[in-house]
């Protein structure tokens, strides 16, 4: 006798039709489209009410219907892919039933060593690393490395754990250690160490938190189209004037984040060419402004308190602009400063009783990376 596979039936015994949930399609209409009648569809959904939340069915998700060789063309099983790991299985005929099935997950400890040649994204993909790793690194180094200003020769080395399903990376579970080397910033280590207080989890070898008062940039994965300058030819008017901002070119609708905690002091239309803009007052005399937004975040208004990383609006081309981009400005005590050169105030250091353990972790991880490189 064959041993029943974890999914709950022998898929090879049936012909399979693969489709996807259509826009506007609900579970009932999906089941009808696949061959069930109304009574069968209602009965199946009722049987699985405690297993499958039909309100969470998403357009575009993969669905496979399994049919037997009879002429009824009624599916024996339907498998809806909730995500890359979990599926919901509907047994449609005879004794109906609904259950979930999780694909086997393989976890592996890995290391990465990437030197920037064209871009971190391209070079990591060329090295066979998952885009998910890039996203995690961007989050960890958001306060200490500006990913828009990476130079050829900059180097990332990482020790991490990832999860795979069907030989594909589905998530980065943990980054244990990272080290960024650059001619400009020198070395920036990121050591994962949880003090158990719900606070910062990444530190350098000196015990300084990588999390600072301000993020290095207000949005992700785009490019700088214009830098801070007191003499720049305006792309629309052609006049030479100061541009005390950094422009980030990005698609319309890209989320824009506040680089730090603060209070909204201005929100609305800027008649001098800035279009939709938000201005925020932060600690220690810092102010930031975000201009040319396509729209503001829902509920945001003057006086609103915002937190670091909170979405405040979306990239656009309102006002005087040749294309979608974010005009980002920073002031310190009323004086414009270059956002790319600002030094963020530090957060609380690691507790003294944990410093020796942290330094030992740093030494061990560096030895591990050096051993891998040999």
Protein backbone atom coordinates (compact mmCIF):
# COMPACT_ATOMS: atom_id res chain seq x y z
CA UNK A 1 0.00 0.00 0.00
CA UNK A 2 1.29 3.46 -0.91
CA UNK A 3 1.99 5.86 1.93
CA UNK A 4 -0.23 8.95 1.68
CA UNK A 5 1.89 12.06 0.99
CA UNK A 6 1.73 15.08 3.34
CA UNK A 7 -0.58 17.01 1.01
CA UNK A 8 -3.26 14.37 1.67
CA UNK A 9 -3.77 12.79 -1.77
CA UNK A 10 -1.81 11.30 -4.67
CA UNK A 11 -1.54 14.22 -7.09
CA UNK A 12 -0.07 12.00 -9.81
CA UNK A 13 -3.36 10.06 -10.00
CA UNK A 14 -5.20 13.06 -11.44
CA UNK A 15 -4.96 15.50 -14.32
CA UNK A 16 -4.15 18.97 -13.05
CA UNK A 17 -5.31 22.35 -14.33
CA UNK A 18 -3.45 25.38 -13.02
CA UNK A 19 -5.10 28.78 -12.88
CA UNK A 20 -5.16 31.89 -10.67
CA UNK A 21 -7.78 33.81 -8.75
CA UNK A 22 -9.21 36.51 -11.02
CA UNK A 23 -9.76 40.14 -10.09
CA UNK A 24 -13.10 40.49 -8.32
CA UNK A 25 -13.51 36.73 -7.98
CA UNK A 26 -14.79 35.36 -4.67
CA UNK A 27 -14.37 31.78 -3.38
CA UNK A 28 -17.83 30.73 -4.55
CA UNK A 29 -17.36 31.99 -8.11
CA UNK A 30 -13.89 30.38 -8.22
CA UNK A 31 -15.31 26.98 -7.23
CA UNK A 32 -18.11 27.33 -9.80
CA UNK A 33 -15.58 28.19 -12.50
CA UNK A 34 -13.58 25.06 -11.66
CA UNK A 35 -16.59 22.76 -12.04
CA UNK A 36 -18.58 22.61 -8.80
CA UNK A 37 -22.27 23.48 -8.69
CA UNK A 38 -23.68 26.07 -6.28
CA UNK A 39 -24.74 23.53 -3.66
CA UNK A 40 -21.33 21.84 -3.71
CA UNK A 41 -19.50 25.17 -3.48
CA UNK A 42 -21.54 26.41 -0.51
CA UNK A 43 -21.18 23.08 1.27
CA UNK A 44 -17.42 22.98 0.76
CA UNK A 45 -16.89 26.53 2.00
CA UNK A 46 -19.12 25.88 5.02
CA UNK A 47 -17.11 22.75 5.84
CA UNK A 48 -13.87 24.70 5.76
CA UNK A 49 -15.09 27.84 7.49
CA UNK A 50 -12.77 27.32 10.48
CA UNK A 51 -9.80 26.52 8.21
CA UNK A 52 -10.05 28.95 5.29
CA UNK A 53 -10.92 32.64 5.69
CA UNK A 54 -12.49 33.38 2.32
CA UNK A 55 -12.08 37.14 2.89
CA UNK A 56 -8.32 36.70 2.57
CA UNK A 57 -8.39 35.12 -0.87
CA UNK A 58 -6.16 37.28 -3.10
CA UNK A 59 -6.38 37.89 -6.84
CA UNK A 60 -3.42 36.41 -8.68
CA UNK A 61 -2.82 33.57 -6.21
CA UNK A 62 -2.13 30.17 -7.76
CA UNK A 63 -4.92 27.54 -7.78
CA UNK A 64 -4.59 23.94 -9.00
CA UNK A 65 -7.65 21.77 -9.66
CA UNK A 66 -7.20 17.98 -9.81
CA UNK A 67 -9.64 15.95 -11.94
CA UNK A 68 -10.18 12.20 -12.24
CA UNK A 69 -10.62 10.42 -15.56
CA UNK A 70 -14.45 10.34 -15.43
CA UNK A 71 -16.59 12.52 -17.67
CA UNK A 72 -18.18 14.61 -14.93
CA UNK A 73 -15.38 17.17 -14.98
CA UNK A 74 -15.90 17.90 -11.30
CA UNK A 75 -12.64 18.41 -9.40
CA UNK A 76 -11.63 15.85 -6.82
CA UNK A 77 -9.32 18.33 -5.08
CA UNK A 78 -8.59 22.04 -5.34
CA UNK A 79 -5.38 23.48 -3.86
CA UNK A 80 -5.18 27.23 -3.18
CA UNK A 81 -1.69 28.63 -2.53
CA UNK A 82 -1.97 30.99 0.45
CA UNK A 83 1.74 31.79 0.14
CA UNK A 84 4.95 30.06 -0.91
CA UNK A 85 4.80 27.71 2.08
CA UNK A 86 1.15 27.14 3.01
CA UNK A 87 -1.69 25.87 0.82
CA UNK A 88 -5.35 25.15 1.55
CA UNK A 89 -6.62 21.82 0.20
CA UNK A 90 -10.34 21.35 -0.66
CA UNK A 91 -11.57 17.76 -1.01
CA UNK A 92 -14.55 18.29 -3.29
CA UNK A 93 -16.24 14.91 -3.78
CA UNK A 94 -17.53 12.10 -1.58
CA UNK A 95 -16.74 13.09 2.02
CA UNK A 96 -15.88 16.77 1.60
CA UNK A 97 -13.15 18.26 3.78
CA UNK A 98 -10.76 21.20 3.98
CA UNK A 99 -7.27 21.27 5.49
CA UNK A 100 -3.98 23.15 5.21
CA UNK A 101 -0.69 21.80 3.95
CA UNK A 102 2.73 23.32 4.59
CA UNK A 103 5.54 22.48 2.21
CA UNK A 104 8.75 21.25 3.87
CA UNK A 105 11.00 24.15 4.84
CA UNK A 106 14.77 23.72 4.77
CA UNK A 107 16.81 26.14 6.89
CA UNK A 108 20.47 26.72 6.17
CA UNK A 109 23.22 28.90 7.54
CA UNK A 110 24.91 30.84 4.75
CA UNK A 111 27.50 33.51 4.12
CA UNK A 112 27.70 36.14 1.40
CA UNK A 113 30.65 38.18 0.14
CA UNK A 114 29.78 40.79 -2.48
CA UNK A 115 31.91 43.60 -3.87
CA UNK A 116 29.99 46.35 -5.65
CA UNK A 117 30.86 46.59 -9.33
CA UNK A 118 27.72 48.01 -10.96
CA UNK A 119 25.14 48.08 -8.15
CA UNK A 120 24.57 46.10 -4.97
CA UNK A 121 21.33 44.72 -6.42
CA UNK A 122 22.90 43.51 -9.67
CA UNK A 123 26.05 42.19 -8.01
CA UNK A 124 24.14 40.25 -5.35
CA UNK A 125 21.86 38.69 -7.94
CA UNK A 126 24.89 37.82 -10.07
CA UNK A 127 26.42 36.13 -7.02
CA UNK A 128 23.35 33.94 -6.64
CA UNK A 129 21.98 35.64 -3.52
CA UNK A 130 18.29 36.31 -2.87
CA UNK A 131 16.84 39.82 -3.30
CA UNK A 132 15.37 39.25 0.19
CA UNK A 133 18.91 39.47 1.60
CA UNK A 134 19.36 42.90 0.03
CA UNK A 135 16.14 44.11 1.65
CA UNK A 136 17.21 42.87 5.07
CA UNK A 137 20.62 44.53 4.76
CA UNK A 138 18.97 47.80 3.74
CA UNK A 139 16.84 47.71 6.89
CA UNK A 140 19.76 46.91 9.23
CA UNK A 141 22.10 49.50 7.72
CA UNK A 142 19.40 52.12 7.13
CA UNK A 143 21.00 54.45 9.72
CA UNK A 144 24.66 53.99 8.82
CA UNK A 145 24.99 53.27 5.07
CA UNK A 146 23.37 55.31 2.30
CA UNK A 147 22.54 52.74 -0.37
CA UNK A 148 22.16 55.52 -2.94
CA UNK A 149 25.83 56.49 -2.66
CA UNK A 150 27.52 53.07 -2.84
CA UNK A 151 30.74 53.17 -4.83
CA UNK A 152 32.52 50.60 -6.97
CA UNK A 153 34.69 48.53 -4.64
CA UNK A 154 32.42 48.79 -1.60
CA UNK A 155 32.05 45.37 0.00
CA UNK A 156 29.38 43.57 2.06
CA UNK A 157 30.08 40.35 3.96
CA UNK A 158 27.24 38.64 5.78
CA UNK A 159 26.51 35.57 7.91
CA UNK A 160 22.83 34.67 7.95
CA UNK A 161 20.17 31.94 8.00
CA UNK A 162 17.63 31.51 5.23
CA UNK A 163 14.62 29.27 4.62
CA UNK A 164 14.04 27.42 1.34
CA UNK A 165 10.99 25.74 -0.14
CA UNK A 166 11.40 23.69 -3.32
CA UNK A 167 15.00 24.96 -3.46
CA UNK A 168 13.82 28.60 -3.56
CA UNK A 169 14.56 31.14 -0.82
CA UNK A 170 11.28 32.18 0.82
CA UNK A 171 12.68 34.29 3.66
CA UNK A 172 15.81 35.44 5.43
CA UNK A 173 15.30 34.22 8.98
CA UNK A 174 18.17 36.01 10.71
CA UNK A 175 21.20 38.08 9.83
CA UNK A 176 23.72 37.21 12.54
CA UNK A 177 26.54 39.43 11.37
CA UNK A 178 27.36 41.88 8.63
CA UNK A 179 30.36 44.01 7.82
CA UNK A 180 30.45 46.81 5.25
CA UNK A 181 33.82 48.05 3.97
CA UNK A 182 34.21 51.31 2.09
CA UNK A 183 36.98 53.80 1.37
CA UNK A 184 34.61 56.54 2.56
CA UNK A 185 32.98 55.14 5.71
CA UNK A 186 35.68 52.53 6.39
CA UNK A 187 34.24 49.52 8.24
CA UNK A 188 30.71 49.31 9.62
CA UNK A 189 29.98 46.08 11.51
CA UNK A 190 26.47 44.89 12.40
CA UNK A 191 26.38 42.30 15.20
CA UNK A 192 23.03 40.84 16.20
CA UNK A 193 22.70 40.83 19.98
CA UNK A 194 19.35 40.92 21.76
CA UNK A 195 19.45 42.40 25.26
CA UNK A 196 15.92 41.17 25.91
CA UNK A 197 14.45 44.63 26.42
CA UNK A 198 12.66 44.89 23.09
CA UNK A 199 15.09 47.58 21.92
CA UNK A 200 17.98 47.70 19.48
CA UNK A 201 19.33 44.40 18.18
CA UNK A 202 22.27 45.42 15.97
CA UNK A 203 25.50 46.97 17.26
CA UNK A 204 29.02 47.65 16.07
CA UNK A 205 32.03 46.14 17.84
CA UNK A 206 32.25 49.18 20.14
CA UNK A 207 28.74 48.61 21.47
CA UNK A 208 27.23 51.51 19.57
CA UNK A 209 23.73 50.93 18.22
CA UNK A 210 23.33 50.91 14.46
CA UNK A 211 19.93 52.49 15.00
CA UNK A 212 20.28 56.27 15.05
CA UNK A 213 17.96 59.22 15.40
CA UNK A 214 17.70 59.59 11.61
CA UNK A 215 17.58 57.23 8.65
CA UNK A 216 20.17 57.75 5.93
CA UNK A 217 17.50 58.18 3.24
CA UNK A 218 13.71 58.75 3.12
CA UNK A 219 12.95 56.02 0.55
CA UNK A 220 14.40 52.79 -0.83
CA UNK A 221 15.98 51.35 -3.96
CA UNK A 222 16.07 54.31 -6.31
CA UNK A 223 18.72 56.79 -7.38
CA UNK A 224 19.95 60.30 -6.68
CA UNK A 225 19.18 62.58 -9.63
CA UNK A 226 20.45 65.85 -8.16
CA UNK A 227 22.64 66.73 -5.18
CA UNK A 228 22.95 69.55 -2.67
CA UNK A 229 24.45 72.66 -4.30
CA UNK A 230 24.42 76.44 -3.97
CA UNK A 231 24.79 76.79 -7.76
CA UNK A 232 22.65 74.57 -9.96
CA UNK A 233 20.94 75.14 -13.29
CA UNK A 234 17.24 74.52 -12.73
CA UNK A 235 16.01 71.78 -15.13
CA UNK A 236 12.75 73.66 -15.86
CA UNK A 237 13.53 77.38 -15.66
CA UNK A 238 17.19 77.15 -16.71
CA UNK A 239 18.16 79.69 -14.04
CA UNK A 240 21.23 79.27 -11.84
CA UNK A 241 20.13 79.08 -8.21
CA UNK A 242 20.78 77.26 -4.97
CA UNK A 243 19.45 73.70 -4.65
CA UNK A 244 19.78 72.96 -0.96
CA UNK A 245 18.27 69.50 -1.33
CA UNK A 246 18.87 66.01 -2.60
CA UNK A 247 16.56 64.75 -5.35
CA UNK A 248 15.72 61.06 -5.40
CA UNK A 249 14.34 59.82 -8.72
CA UNK A 250 11.67 57.18 -8.12
CA UNK A 251 8.43 55.94 -9.70
CA UNK A 252 5.22 57.77 -8.85
CA UNK A 253 3.64 56.19 -5.79
CA UNK A 254 6.90 55.08 -4.13
CA UNK A 255 6.40 55.42 -0.34
CA UNK A 256 8.28 58.27 1.33
CA UNK A 257 9.28 57.84 4.99
CA UNK A 258 10.05 60.33 7.72
CA UNK A 259 13.74 59.90 8.53
CA UNK A 260 13.08 60.44 12.25
CA UNK A 261 10.51 60.96 14.99
CA UNK A 262 8.91 64.38 14.89
CA UNK A 263 5.86 66.62 14.45
CA UNK A 264 4.34 67.79 11.16
CA UNK A 265 4.60 71.59 11.00
CA UNK A 266 3.50 72.13 7.39
CA UNK A 267 1.44 70.00 5.02
CA UNK A 268 -0.18 71.09 1.78
CA UNK A 269 0.60 72.90 -1.44
CA UNK A 270 3.82 74.88 -1.87
CA UNK A 271 3.15 77.68 -4.35
CA UNK A 272 6.86 78.32 -5.04
CA UNK A 273 7.20 75.12 -7.07
CA UNK A 274 7.47 72.41 -4.45
CA UNK A 275 3.98 71.03 -5.07
CA UNK A 276 2.60 68.80 -2.34
CA UNK A 277 5.02 68.96 0.57
CA UNK A 278 5.38 67.89 4.19
CA UNK A 279 7.67 69.58 6.69
CA UNK A 280 8.60 67.90 9.99
CA UNK A 281 10.27 69.25 13.11
CA UNK A 282 12.63 66.83 14.87
CA UNK A 283 14.77 66.84 18.00
CA UNK A 284 17.90 68.96 18.52
CA UNK A 285 16.95 71.70 16.06
CA UNK A 286 16.56 69.48 12.97
CA UNK A 287 13.80 69.96 10.38
CA UNK A 288 13.11 67.98 7.18
CA UNK A 289 10.96 68.67 4.13
CA UNK A 290 9.60 66.26 1.49
CA UNK A 291 8.39 67.84 -1.77
CA UNK A 292 6.67 67.07 -5.13
CA UNK A 293 4.56 64.34 -3.48
CA UNK A 294 1.77 62.78 -5.51
CA UNK A 295 -0.32 62.49 -2.35
CA UNK A 296 -0.06 62.51 1.43
CA UNK A 297 -0.41 59.54 3.76
CA UNK A 298 -3.98 59.05 4.95
CA UNK A 299 -4.80 60.98 8.13
CA UNK A 300 -1.62 63.05 8.14
CA UNK A 301 -2.18 66.69 9.14
CA UNK A 302 -0.45 69.63 10.78
CA UNK A 303 0.40 68.70 14.35
CA UNK A 304 0.52 64.95 13.64
CA UNK A 305 3.27 63.06 15.45
CA UNK A 306 5.24 60.77 13.16
CA UNK A 307 7.73 58.05 13.94
CA UNK A 308 10.94 57.11 12.20
CA UNK A 309 10.24 55.09 9.06
CA UNK A 310 6.54 56.05 8.98
CA UNK A 311 5.12 56.64 5.50
CA UNK A 312 4.15 60.31 5.17
CA UNK A 313 3.44 60.47 1.44
CA UNK A 314 4.22 59.14 -2.00
CA UNK A 315 6.61 60.20 -4.75
CA UNK A 316 5.12 62.36 -7.49
CA UNK A 317 5.85 65.25 -9.84
CA UNK A 318 3.60 67.98 -8.44
CA UNK A 319 4.72 71.59 -8.64
CA UNK A 320 7.66 72.48 -10.86
CA UNK A 321 9.16 69.11 -11.80
CA UNK A 322 10.30 67.40 -15.00
CA UNK A 323 9.43 63.93 -13.73
CA UNK A 324 8.57 61.95 -10.60
CA UNK A 325 11.10 62.45 -7.81
CA UNK A 326 11.41 63.42 -4.16
CA UNK A 327 13.00 66.76 -3.28
CA UNK A 328 14.37 66.14 0.24
CA UNK A 329 15.70 68.96 2.46
CA UNK A 330 17.23 69.17 5.93
CA UNK A 331 17.85 72.16 8.22
CA UNK A 332 19.85 72.35 11.46
CA UNK A 333 18.89 75.33 13.61
CA UNK A 334 17.42 77.01 10.52
CA UNK A 335 20.47 76.51 8.26
CA UNK A 336 20.26 74.17 5.23
CA UNK A 337 22.61 71.20 5.44
CA UNK A 338 23.51 68.50 2.93
CA UNK A 339 21.34 65.44 3.75
CA UNK A 340 24.09 63.14 2.46
CA UNK A 341 26.62 64.58 4.93
CA UNK A 342 24.49 64.96 8.06
CA UNK A 343 25.68 63.08 11.13
CA UNK A 344 22.84 61.43 12.99
CA UNK A 345 22.80 61.66 16.81
CA UNK A 346 23.53 58.23 18.37
CA UNK A 347 21.13 56.03 20.30
CA UNK A 348 21.83 54.49 23.71
CA UNK A 349 24.90 52.17 23.67
CA UNK A 350 24.76 48.52 24.69
CA UNK A 351 24.72 47.85 28.43
CA UNK A 352 28.23 47.60 29.90
CA UNK A 353 27.69 44.07 31.18
CA UNK A 354 27.08 42.88 27.59
CA UNK A 355 30.02 44.62 25.93
CA UNK A 356 32.58 41.81 26.41
CA UNK A 357 30.14 39.24 24.99
CA UNK A 358 29.49 41.49 22.01
CA UNK A 359 33.21 41.92 21.31
CA UNK A 360 33.73 38.15 21.51
CA UNK A 361 30.92 37.65 18.97
CA UNK A 362 32.57 40.16 16.65
CA UNK A 363 35.93 38.36 16.87
CA UNK A 364 34.33 34.96 16.26
CA UNK A 365 32.30 36.15 13.28
CA UNK A 366 35.32 37.84 11.70
CA UNK A 367 37.30 34.63 12.08
CA UNK A 368 34.44 32.71 10.47
CA UNK A 369 34.38 35.09 7.49
CA UNK A 370 38.15 34.91 7.09
CA UNK A 371 37.97 31.12 7.19
CA UNK A 372 35.32 31.12 4.46
CA UNK A 373 37.45 33.41 2.29
CA UNK A 374 40.49 31.10 2.48
